[in-house]
Amino acid sequence: MNPSLIHSLTTVISFVLFIGICWWAYSSHTKSRFDEAARIPFDDEEADIAASDANKG
C-alpha cells in the first residue's frame, strides 16, 4: 500500500470517529445521564454540609 493512501485513510477514519463521538455526546439519549453526572460534585458538597451541620448540632 502506498503511504499516502494509508495517511488519507487514517484521516478519514479519524474524522468519521470524531463526528460519531460528537453525535453521541450531543444526542438526546445521553442527556439525562450527563445531567446526573454533572450534579455529582454538588451532591457530595450538600452531603458534606449536612454531615457537618449534624455534628454541630
N, C-alpha and C. Protein backbone atom coordinates (compact mmCIF):
# COMPACT_ATOMS: atom_id res chain seq x y z
N MET A 1 0.84 -1.19 0.00
CA MET A 1 0.00 0.00 0.00
C MET A 1 0.88 1.24 0.00
N ASN A 2 0.39 2.22 -0.65
CA ASN A 2 1.06 3.50 -0.75
C ASN A 2 0.96 4.24 0.59
N PRO A 3 2.05 4.82 1.10
CA PRO A 3 1.97 5.53 2.39
C PRO A 3 0.98 6.70 2.38
N SER A 4 0.85 7.38 1.27
CA SER A 4 -0.11 8.49 1.23
C SER A 4 -1.55 7.98 1.32
N LEU A 5 -1.82 6.79 0.80
CA LEU A 5 -3.15 6.19 0.92
C LEU A 5 -3.44 5.83 2.38
N ILE A 6 -2.47 5.32 3.07
CA ILE A 6 -2.63 4.98 4.49
C ILE A 6 -2.90 6.24 5.30
N HIS A 7 -2.19 7.30 5.03
CA HIS A 7 -2.39 8.58 5.72
C HIS A 7 -3.79 9.13 5.43
N SER A 8 -4.22 9.02 4.20
CA SER A 8 -5.55 9.51 3.84
C SER A 8 -6.65 8.70 4.53
N LEU A 9 -6.51 7.40 4.54
CA LEU A 9 -7.49 6.55 5.20
C LEU A 9 -7.52 6.82 6.70
N THR A 10 -6.37 7.01 7.30
CA THR A 10 -6.31 7.33 8.72
C THR A 10 -7.02 8.65 9.01
N THR A 11 -6.83 9.63 8.17
CA THR A 11 -7.50 10.91 8.34
C THR A 11 -9.01 10.77 8.22
N VAL A 12 -9.47 10.06 7.23
CA VAL A 12 -10.91 9.88 7.03
C VAL A 12 -11.53 9.10 8.20
N ILE A 13 -10.88 8.04 8.63
CA ILE A 13 -11.39 7.25 9.76
C ILE A 13 -11.42 8.09 11.03
N SER A 14 -10.39 8.88 11.26
CA SER A 14 -10.35 9.74 12.45
C SER A 14 -11.47 10.77 12.40
N PHE A 15 -11.73 11.35 11.24
CA PHE A 15 -12.79 12.34 11.10
C PHE A 15 -14.15 11.71 11.35
N VAL A 16 -14.39 10.54 10.80
CA VAL A 16 -15.66 9.85 10.99
C VAL A 16 -15.84 9.49 12.47
N LEU A 17 -14.79 9.05 13.11
CA LEU A 17 -14.85 8.74 14.54
C LEU A 17 -15.15 9.99 15.36
N PHE A 18 -14.53 11.11 15.03
CA PHE A 18 -14.78 12.37 15.72
C PHE A 18 -16.24 12.79 15.58
N ILE A 19 -16.77 12.73 14.38
CA ILE A 19 -18.17 13.08 14.14
C ILE A 19 -19.09 12.13 14.91
N GLY A 20 -18.77 10.86 14.96
CA GLY A 20 -19.57 9.90 15.71
C GLY A 20 -19.59 10.20 17.19
N ILE A 21 -18.44 10.55 17.76
CA ILE A 21 -18.37 10.89 19.18
C ILE A 21 -19.16 12.16 19.46
N CYS A 22 -19.05 13.15 18.61
CA CYS A 22 -19.83 14.39 18.80
C CYS A 22 -21.32 14.11 18.72
N TRP A 23 -21.74 13.30 17.77
CA TRP A 23 -23.16 12.96 17.64
C TRP A 23 -23.65 12.25 18.89
N TRP A 24 -22.84 11.30 19.41
CA TRP A 24 -23.22 10.57 20.61
C TRP A 24 -23.31 11.49 21.82
N ALA A 25 -22.34 12.40 21.95
CA ALA A 25 -22.30 13.28 23.12
C ALA A 25 -23.46 14.26 23.14
N TYR A 26 -23.91 14.69 21.99
CA TYR A 26 -24.99 15.68 21.94
C TYR A 26 -26.36 15.07 21.65
N SER A 27 -26.45 13.75 21.60
CA SER A 27 -27.75 13.14 21.34
C SER A 27 -28.63 13.24 22.58
N SER A 28 -29.91 13.22 22.36
CA SER A 28 -30.85 13.38 23.47
C SER A 28 -30.92 12.14 24.36
N HIS A 29 -30.45 11.01 23.88
CA HIS A 29 -30.49 9.78 24.66
C HIS A 29 -29.54 9.82 25.85
N THR A 30 -28.46 10.56 25.74
CA THR A 30 -27.46 10.60 26.81
C THR A 30 -27.60 11.84 27.69
N LYS A 31 -28.53 12.73 27.40
CA LYS A 31 -28.65 13.97 28.14
C LYS A 31 -28.92 13.74 29.62
N SER A 32 -29.84 12.86 29.95
CA SER A 32 -30.16 12.63 31.36
C SER A 32 -28.97 12.05 32.12
N ARG A 33 -28.23 11.18 31.48
CA ARG A 33 -27.06 10.59 32.13
C ARG A 33 -25.98 11.64 32.36
N PHE A 34 -25.77 12.51 31.39
CA PHE A 34 -24.77 13.57 31.54
C PHE A 34 -25.21 14.61 32.57
N ASP A 35 -26.51 14.92 32.63
CA ASP A 35 -27.01 15.85 33.64
C ASP A 35 -26.81 15.30 35.04
N GLU A 36 -27.05 14.01 35.21
CA GLU A 36 -26.84 13.37 36.50
C GLU A 36 -25.35 13.40 36.89
N ALA A 37 -24.48 13.14 35.94
CA ALA A 37 -23.05 13.17 36.21
C ALA A 37 -22.57 14.58 36.52
N ALA A 38 -23.19 15.57 35.93
CA ALA A 38 -22.80 16.96 36.18
C ALA A 38 -23.15 17.41 37.59
N ARG A 39 -24.15 16.77 38.20
CA ARG A 39 -24.56 17.14 39.56
C ARG A 39 -23.77 16.43 40.65
N ILE A 40 -22.92 15.48 40.30
CA ILE A 40 -22.20 14.69 41.30
C ILE A 40 -21.37 15.55 42.25
N PRO A 41 -20.59 16.52 41.79
CA PRO A 41 -19.81 17.32 42.74
C PRO A 41 -20.69 18.09 43.72
N PHE A 42 -21.82 18.56 43.28
CA PHE A 42 -22.71 19.32 44.14
C PHE A 42 -23.43 18.42 45.14
N ASP A 43 -23.73 17.18 44.74
CA ASP A 43 -24.36 16.24 45.65
C ASP A 43 -23.42 15.91 46.81
N ASP A 44 -22.13 15.72 46.52
CA ASP A 44 -21.15 15.45 47.56
C ASP A 44 -21.03 16.63 48.51
N GLU A 45 -21.05 17.83 47.95
CA GLU A 45 -20.93 19.04 48.77
C GLU A 45 -22.12 19.18 49.71
N GLU A 46 -23.31 18.92 49.21
CA GLU A 46 -24.51 19.01 50.03
C GLU A 46 -24.48 17.95 51.14
N ALA A 47 -23.98 16.76 50.85
CA ALA A 47 -23.88 15.71 51.87
C ALA A 47 -22.87 16.11 52.93
N ASP A 48 -21.75 16.72 52.52
CA ASP A 48 -20.75 17.17 53.49
C ASP A 48 -21.31 18.28 54.38
N ILE A 49 -22.08 19.20 53.82
CA ILE A 49 -22.67 20.29 54.59
C ILE A 49 -23.68 19.73 55.58
N ALA A 50 -24.49 18.79 55.15
CA ALA A 50 -25.49 18.18 56.04
C ALA A 50 -24.80 17.43 57.18
N ALA A 51 -23.70 16.73 56.88
CA ALA A 51 -23.00 15.99 57.91
C ALA A 51 -22.35 16.95 58.92
N SER A 52 -21.78 18.04 58.44
CA SER A 52 -21.16 18.98 59.37
C SER A 52 -22.20 19.70 60.22
N ASP A 53 -23.38 19.97 59.64
CA ASP A 53 -24.47 20.58 60.42
C ASP A 53 -24.96 19.62 61.50
N ALA A 54 -25.00 18.33 61.19
CA ALA A 54 -25.44 17.33 62.16
C ALA A 54 -24.43 17.21 63.31
N ASN A 55 -23.15 17.35 62.99
CA ASN A 55 -22.11 17.25 64.02
C ASN A 55 -22.10 18.48 64.93
N LYS A 56 -22.50 19.62 64.40
CA LYS A 56 -22.51 20.85 65.19
C LYS A 56 -23.66 20.84 66.18
N GLY A 57 -24.74 20.28 65.76
CA GLY A 57 -25.95 20.49 66.45
C GLY A 57 -26.43 19.68 67.52
